[in-house]
Amino acid sequence: MKKKLLLLFVLILLPCQVLAGQVADANRLFDWAERSYPQYFGPAGQESFWYENFLLRYYPDTETYIGTLG
């Protein structure tokens, strides 16, 4: 029983940790784009959001999106 419970725990948490790492990487990329290209990605500090399998940010001043898939 303990082995099955441990396996279930690993199967649930491992994908969550991978996803959290991918989200953090994507947000670092978005932050870099805001700093490097403020003329396209402004105002800085917009919240990221999910749309289907995309993690996106929308910049209302420039009507621009930035995003990652997967």
PDB file of N, CA and C in Angstrom:
ATOM      1  N   MET A   1       0.822  -1.205   0.000  1.00  0.00           N
ATOM      2  CA  MET A   1       0.000   0.000   0.000  1.00  0.00           C
ATOM      3  C   MET A   1       0.865   1.268   0.000  1.00  0.00           C
ATOM      4  N   LYS A   2       1.970   1.239   0.802  1.00  0.00           N
ATOM      5  CA  LYS A   2       2.837   2.416   0.871  1.00  0.00           C
ATOM      6  C   LYS A   2       3.503   2.694  -0.474  1.00  0.00           C
ATOM      7  N   LYS A   3       3.870   1.630  -1.202  1.00  0.00           N
ATOM      8  CA  LYS A   3       4.502   1.813  -2.510  1.00  0.00           C
ATOM      9  C   LYS A   3       3.539   2.446  -3.500  1.00  0.00           C
ATOM     10  N   LYS A   4       2.286   2.018  -3.466  1.00  0.00           N
ATOM     11  CA  LYS A   4       1.286   2.585  -4.373  1.00  0.00           C
ATOM     12  C   LYS A   4       1.024   4.045  -4.027  1.00  0.00           C
ATOM     13  N   LEU A   5       0.971   4.353  -2.749  1.00  0.00           N
ATOM     14  CA  LEU A   5       0.739   5.720  -2.317  1.00  0.00           C
ATOM     15  C   LEU A   5       1.910   6.618  -2.707  1.00  0.00           C
ATOM     16  N   LEU A   6       3.126   6.125  -2.533  1.00  0.00           N
ATOM     17  CA  LEU A   6       4.311   6.880  -2.921  1.00  0.00           C
ATOM     18  C   LEU A   6       4.340   7.107  -4.428  1.00  0.00           C
ATOM     19  N   LEU A   7       4.027   6.082  -5.208  1.00  0.00           N
ATOM     20  CA  LEU A   7       3.993   6.212  -6.658  1.00  0.00           C
ATOM     21  C   LEU A   7       2.949   7.236  -7.083  1.00  0.00           C
ATOM     22  N   LEU A   8       1.787   7.194  -6.488  1.00  0.00           N
ATOM     23  CA  LEU A   8       0.735   8.169  -6.796  1.00  0.00           C
ATOM     24  C   LEU A   8       1.201   9.572  -6.455  1.00  0.00           C
ATOM     25  N   PHE A   9       1.843   9.728  -5.323  1.00  0.00           N
ATOM     26  CA  PHE A   9       2.361  11.023  -4.889  1.00  0.00           C
ATOM     27  C   PHE A   9       3.376  11.565  -5.895  1.00  0.00           C
ATOM     28  N   VAL A  10       4.304  10.721  -6.340  1.00  0.00           N
ATOM     29  CA  VAL A  10       5.322  11.121  -7.318  1.00  0.00           C
ATOM     30  C   VAL A  10       4.681  11.464  -8.653  1.00  0.00           C
ATOM     31  N   LEU A  11       3.721  10.677  -9.085  1.00  0.00           N
ATOM     32  CA  LEU A  11       3.075  10.922 -10.380  1.00  0.00           C
ATOM     33  C   LEU A  11       2.266  12.215 -10.381  1.00  0.00           C
ATOM     34  N   ILE A  12       1.794  12.626  -9.229  1.00  0.00           N
ATOM     35  CA  ILE A  12       1.038  13.880  -9.142  1.00  0.00           C
ATOM     36  C   ILE A  12       1.976  15.070  -8.997  1.00  0.00           C
ATOM     37  N   LEU A  13       2.976  14.966  -8.141  1.00  0.00           N
ATOM     38  CA  LEU A  13       3.835  16.112  -7.853  1.00  0.00           C
ATOM     39  C   LEU A  13       4.878  16.391  -8.923  1.00  0.00           C
ATOM     40  N   LEU A  14       5.428  15.380  -9.543  1.00  0.00           N
ATOM     41  CA  LEU A  14       6.470  15.598 -10.538  1.00  0.00           C
ATOM     42  C   LEU A  14       5.987  16.472 -11.695  1.00  0.00           C
ATOM     43  N   PRO A  15       4.837  16.185 -12.301  1.00  0.00           N
ATOM     44  CA  PRO A  15       4.369  17.085 -13.369  1.00  0.00           C
ATOM     45  C   PRO A  15       4.098  18.498 -12.863  1.00  0.00           C
ATOM     46  N   CYS A  16       3.642  18.647 -11.622  1.00  0.00           N
ATOM     47  CA  CYS A  16       3.392  19.978 -11.066  1.00  0.00           C
ATOM     48  C   CYS A  16       4.697  20.757 -10.929  1.00  0.00           C
ATOM     49  N   GLN A  17       5.760  20.089 -10.501  1.00  0.00           N
ATOM     50  CA  GLN A  17       7.048  20.756 -10.359  1.00  0.00           C
ATOM     51  C   GLN A  17       7.612  21.135 -11.721  1.00  0.00           C
ATOM     52  N   VAL A  18       7.472  20.266 -12.699  1.00  0.00           N
ATOM     53  CA  VAL A  18       7.938  20.573 -14.056  1.00  0.00           C
ATOM     54  C   VAL A  18       7.166  21.760 -14.604  1.00  0.00           C
ATOM     55  N   LEU A  19       5.850  21.764 -14.437  1.00  0.00           N
ATOM     56  CA  LEU A  19       5.029  22.870 -14.916  1.00  0.00           C
ATOM     57  C   LEU A  19       5.402  24.165 -14.213  1.00  0.00           C
ATOM     58  N   ALA A  20       5.621  24.113 -12.913  1.00  0.00           N
ATOM     59  CA  ALA A  20       6.010  25.309 -12.172  1.00  0.00           C
ATOM     60  C   ALA A  20       7.329  25.854 -12.696  1.00  0.00           C
ATOM     61  N   GLY A  21       8.266  24.964 -13.007  1.00  0.00           N
ATOM     62  CA  GLY A  21       9.540  25.400 -13.570  1.00  0.00           C
ATOM     63  C   GLY A  21       9.383  26.034 -14.936  1.00  0.00           C
ATOM     64  N   GLN A  22       8.507  25.464 -15.754  1.00  0.00           N
ATOM     65  CA  GLN A  22       8.272  26.016 -17.084  1.00  0.00           C
ATOM     66  C   GLN A  22       7.602  27.384 -16.995  1.00  0.00           C
ATOM     67  N   VAL A  23       6.667  27.533 -16.068  1.00  0.00           N
ATOM     68  CA  VAL A  23       5.989  28.821 -15.886  1.00  0.00           C
ATOM     69  C   VAL A  23       6.994  29.865 -15.418  1.00  0.00           C
ATOM     70  N   ALA A  24       7.855  29.492 -14.483  1.00  0.00           N
ATOM     71  CA  ALA A  24       8.869  30.429 -13.995  1.00  0.00           C
ATOM     72  C   ALA A  24       9.809  30.838 -15.128  1.00  0.00           C
ATOM     73  N   ASP A  25      10.214  29.881 -15.959  1.00  0.00           N
ATOM     74  CA  ASP A  25      11.080  30.188 -17.102  1.00  0.00           C
ATOM     75  C   ASP A  25      10.381  31.124 -18.080  1.00  0.00           C
ATOM     76  N   ALA A  26       9.122  30.851 -18.360  1.00  0.00           N
ATOM     77  CA  ALA A  26       8.363  31.701 -19.285  1.00  0.00           C
ATOM     78  C   ALA A  26       8.231  33.111 -18.725  1.00  0.00           C
ATOM     79  N   ASN A  27       7.954  33.236 -17.443  1.00  0.00           N
ATOM     80  CA  ASN A  27       7.816  34.563 -16.840  1.00  0.00           C
ATOM     81  C   ASN A  27       9.136  35.324 -16.853  1.00  0.00           C
ATOM     82  N   ARG A  28      10.254  34.622 -16.678  1.00  0.00           N
ATOM     83  CA  ARG A  28      11.552  35.289 -16.789  1.00  0.00           C
ATOM     84  C   ARG A  28      11.775  35.791 -18.220  1.00  0.00           C
ATOM     85  N   LEU A  29      11.375  34.996 -19.196  1.00  0.00           N
ATOM     86  CA  LEU A  29      11.475  35.420 -20.591  1.00  0.00           C
ATOM     87  C   LEU A  29      10.603  36.653 -20.840  1.00  0.00           C
ATOM     88  N   PHE A  30       9.384  36.641 -20.345  1.00  0.00           N
ATOM     89  CA  PHE A  30       8.486  37.787 -20.522  1.00  0.00           C
ATOM     90  C   PHE A  30       9.065  39.037 -19.854  1.00  0.00           C
ATOM     91  N   ASP A  31       9.610  38.869 -18.636  1.00  0.00           N
ATOM     92  CA  ASP A  31      10.212  40.007 -17.927  1.00  0.00           C
ATOM     93  C   ASP A  31      11.389  40.577 -18.715  1.00  0.00           C
ATOM     94  N   TRP A  32      12.210  39.688 -19.280  1.00  0.00           N
ATOM     95  CA  TRP A  32      13.340  40.131 -20.088  1.00  0.00           C
ATOM     96  C   TRP A  32      12.847  40.920 -21.308  1.00  0.00           C
ATOM     97  N   ALA A  33      11.819  40.423 -21.968  1.00  0.00           N
ATOM     98  CA  ALA A  33      11.273  41.113 -23.139  1.00  0.00           C
ATOM     99  C   ALA A  33      10.750  42.492 -22.753  1.00  0.00           C
ATOM    100  N   GLU A  34      10.103  42.602 -21.603  1.00  0.00           N
ATOM    101  CA  GLU A  34       9.616  43.907 -21.144  1.00  0.00           C
ATOM    102  C   GLU A  34      10.763  44.893 -20.946  1.00  0.00           C
ATOM    103  N   ARG A  35      11.847  44.423 -20.339  1.00  0.00           N
ATOM    104  CA  ARG A  35      13.006  45.297 -20.100  1.00  0.00           C
ATOM    105  C   ARG A  35      13.732  45.646 -21.395  1.00  0.00           C
ATOM    106  N   SER A  36      13.865  44.679 -22.272  1.00  0.00           N
ATOM    107  CA  SER A  36      14.657  44.869 -23.487  1.00  0.00           C
ATOM    108  C   SER A  36      13.915  45.596 -24.591  1.00  0.00           C
ATOM    109  N   TYR A  37      12.613  45.422 -24.668  1.00  0.00           N
ATOM    110  CA  TYR A  37      11.807  46.000 -25.742  1.00  0.00           C
ATOM    111  C   TYR A  37      10.550  46.671 -25.189  1.00  0.00           C
ATOM    112  N   PRO A  38      10.722  47.709 -24.370  1.00  0.00           N
ATOM    113  CA  PRO A  38       9.549  48.354 -23.769  1.00  0.00           C
ATOM    114  C   PRO A  38       8.619  48.991 -24.796  1.00  0.00           C
ATOM    115  N   GLN A  39       9.137  49.287 -25.978  1.00  0.00           N
ATOM    116  CA  GLN A  39       8.288  49.873 -27.016  1.00  0.00           C
ATOM    117  C   GLN A  39       7.243  48.876 -27.527  1.00  0.00           C
ATOM    118  N   TYR A  40       7.485  47.578 -27.328  1.00  0.00           N
ATOM    119  CA  TYR A  40       6.536  46.549 -27.765  1.00  0.00           C
ATOM    120  C   TYR A  40       5.744  45.947 -26.606  1.00  0.00           C
ATOM    121  N   PHE A  41       6.360  45.892 -25.438  1.00  0.00           N
ATOM    122  CA  PHE A  41       5.755  45.198 -24.299  1.00  0.00           C
ATOM    123  C   PHE A  41       5.575  46.153 -23.132  1.00  0.00           C
ATOM    124  N   GLY A  42       4.623  47.057 -23.286  1.00  0.00           N
ATOM    125  CA  GLY A  42       4.376  48.041 -22.245  1.00  0.00           C
ATOM    126  C   GLY A  42       2.887  48.199 -21.981  1.00  0.00           C
ATOM    127  N   PRO A  43       2.539  48.550 -20.796  1.00  0.00           N
ATOM    128  CA  PRO A  43       3.415  48.786 -19.658  1.00  0.00           C
ATOM    129  C   PRO A  43       3.901  47.463 -19.065  1.00  0.00           C
ATOM    130  N   ALA A  44       5.086  47.518 -18.474  1.00  0.00           N
ATOM    131  CA  ALA A  44       5.674  46.330 -17.854  1.00  0.00           C
ATOM    132  C   ALA A  44       4.849  45.889 -16.645  1.00  0.00           C
ATOM    133  N   GLY A  45       5.028  44.618 -16.277  1.00  0.00           N
ATOM    134  CA  GLY A  45       4.379  44.115 -15.069  1.00  0.00           C
ATOM    135  C   GLY A  45       2.989  43.547 -15.257  1.00  0.00           C
ATOM    136  N   GLN A  46       2.600  43.269 -16.486  1.00  0.00           N
ATOM    137  CA  GLN A  46       1.289  42.671 -16.730  1.00  0.00           C
ATOM    138  C   GLN A  46       1.269  41.236 -16.192  1.00  0.00           C
ATOM    139  N   GLU A  47       0.117  40.766 -15.819  1.00  0.00           N
ATOM    140  CA  GLU A  47      -0.030  39.411 -15.288  1.00  0.00           C
ATOM    141  C   GLU A  47      -0.068  38.395 -16.426  1.00  0.00           C
ATOM    142  N   SER A  48       0.562  37.266 -16.188  1.00  0.00           N
ATOM    143  CA  SER A  48       0.490  36.155 -17.141  1.00  0.00           C
ATOM    144  C   SER A  48      -0.820  35.409 -16.918  1.00  0.00           C
ATOM    145  N   PHE A  49      -1.338  34.825 -17.984  1.00  0.00           N
ATOM    146  CA  PHE A  49      -2.572  34.046 -17.876  1.00  0.00           C
ATOM    147  C   PHE A  49      -2.538  32.906 -18.885  1.00  0.00           C
ATOM    148  N   TRP A  50      -3.345  31.896 -18.602  1.00  0.00           N
ATOM    149  CA  TRP A  50      -3.428  30.722 -19.479  1.00  0.00           C
ATOM    150  C   TRP A  50      -4.569  30.878 -20.468  1.00  0.00           C
ATOM    151  N   TYR A  51      -4.318  30.524 -21.705  1.00  0.00           N
ATOM    152  CA  TYR A  51      -5.359  30.379 -22.719  1.00  0.00           C
ATOM    153  C   TYR A  51      -5.048  29.083 -23.455  1.00  0.00           C
ATOM    154  N   GLU A  52      -5.903  28.095 -23.266  1.00  0.00           N
ATOM    155  CA  GLU A  52      -5.676  26.747 -23.761  1.00  0.00           C
ATOM    156  C   GLU A  52      -4.296  26.282 -23.283  1.00  0.00           C
ATOM    157  N   ASN A  53      -3.364  25.952 -24.150  1.00  0.00           N
ATOM    158  CA  ASN A  53      -2.042  25.502 -23.715  1.00  0.00           C
ATOM    159  C   ASN A  53      -1.000  26.615 -23.753  1.00  0.00           C
ATOM    160  N   PHE A  54      -1.423  27.846 -23.915  1.00  0.00           N
ATOM    161  CA  PHE A  54      -0.507  28.975 -23.997  1.00  0.00           C
ATOM    162  C   PHE A  54      -0.456  29.715 -22.673  1.00  0.00           C
ATOM    163  N   LEU A  55       0.744  30.107 -22.273  1.00  0.00           N
ATOM    164  CA  LEU A  55       0.906  31.055 -21.176  1.00  0.00           C
ATOM    165  C   LEU A  55       1.169  32.397 -21.841  1.00  0.00           C
ATOM    166  N   LEU A  56       0.343  33.393 -21.551  1.00  0.00           N
ATOM    167  CA  LEU A  56       0.376  34.666 -22.279  1.00  0.00           C
ATOM    168  C   LEU A  56       0.450  35.857 -21.345  1.00  0.00           C
ATOM    169  N   ARG A  57       0.904  36.951 -21.905  1.00  0.00           N
ATOM    170  CA  ARG A  57       0.742  38.274 -21.304  1.00  0.00           C
ATOM    171  C   ARG A  57       0.236  39.199 -22.401  1.00  0.00           C
ATOM    172  N   TYR A  58      -0.630  40.110 -21.986  1.00  0.00           N
ATOM    173  CA  TYR A  58      -1.170  41.103 -22.918  1.00  0.00           C
ATOM    174  C   TYR A  58      -0.748  42.486 -22.440  1.00  0.00           C
ATOM    175  N   TYR A  59      -0.307  43.308 -23.396  1.00  0.00           N
ATOM    176  CA  TYR A  59       0.144  44.660 -23.107  1.00  0.00           C
ATOM    177  C   TYR A  59      -0.819  45.637 -23.777  1.00  0.00           C
ATOM    178  N   PRO A  60      -1.713  46.241 -22.986  1.00  0.00           N
ATOM    179  CA  PRO A  60      -2.767  47.066 -23.579  1.00  0.00           C
ATOM    180  C   PRO A  60      -2.263  48.328 -24.287  1.00  0.00           C
ATOM    181  N   ASP A  61      -1.175  48.914 -23.815  1.00  0.00           N
ATOM    182  CA  ASP A  61      -0.699  50.145 -24.450  1.00  0.00           C
ATOM    183  C   ASP A  61      -0.245  49.917 -25.883  1.00  0.00           C
ATOM    184  N   THR A  62       0.330  48.746 -26.141  1.00  0.00           N
ATOM    185  CA  THR A  62       0.821  48.440 -27.486  1.00  0.00           C
ATOM    186  C   THR A  62      -0.036  47.399 -28.199  1.00  0.00           C
ATOM    187  N   GLU A  63      -1.070  46.919 -27.513  1.00  0.00           N
ATOM    188  CA  GLU A  63      -1.953  45.870 -28.035  1.00  0.00           C
ATOM    189  C   GLU A  63      -1.141  44.670 -28.535  1.00  0.00           C
ATOM    190  N   THR A  64      -0.184  44.245 -27.717  1.00  0.00           N
ATOM    191  CA  THR A  64       0.718  43.148 -28.059  1.00  0.00           C
ATOM    192  C   THR A  64       0.582  42.020 -27.064  1.00  0.00           C
ATOM    193  N   TYR A  65       0.703  40.792 -27.570  1.00  0.00           N
ATOM    194  CA  TYR A  65       0.759  39.601 -26.730  1.00  0.00           C
ATOM    195  C   TYR A  65       2.147  38.996 -26.830  1.00  0.00           C
ATOM    196  N   ILE A  66       2.572  38.360 -25.754  1.00  0.00           N
ATOM    197  CA  ILE A  66       3.748  37.508 -25.768  1.00  0.00           C
ATOM    198  C   ILE A  66       3.344  36.214 -25.093  1.00  0.00           C
ATOM    199  N   GLY A  67       3.856  35.090 -25.594  1.00  0.00           N
ATOM    200  CA  GLY A  67       3.425  33.834 -25.002  1.00  0.00           C
ATOM    201  C   GLY A  67       4.330  32.660 -25.325  1.00  0.00           C
ATOM    202  N   THR A  68       4.085  31.599 -24.596  1.00  0.00           N
ATOM    203  CA  THR A  68       4.773  30.343 -24.827  1.00  0.00           C
ATOM    204  C   THR A  68       3.722  29.239 -24.920  1.00  0.00           C
ATOM    205  N   LEU A  69       4.078  28.189 -25.601  1.00  0.00           N
ATOM    206  CA  LEU A  69       3.187  27.044 -25.771  1.00  0.00           C
ATOM    207  C   LEU A  69       3.788  25.838 -25.075  1.00  0.00           C
ATOM    208  N   GLY A  70       2.948  25.149 -24.308  1.00  0.00           N
ATOM    209  CA  GLY A  70       3.387  23.902 -23.718  1.00  0.00           C
ATOM    210  C   GLY A  70       4.115  24.022 -22.419  1.00  0.00           C
TER     211      GLY A  70
END
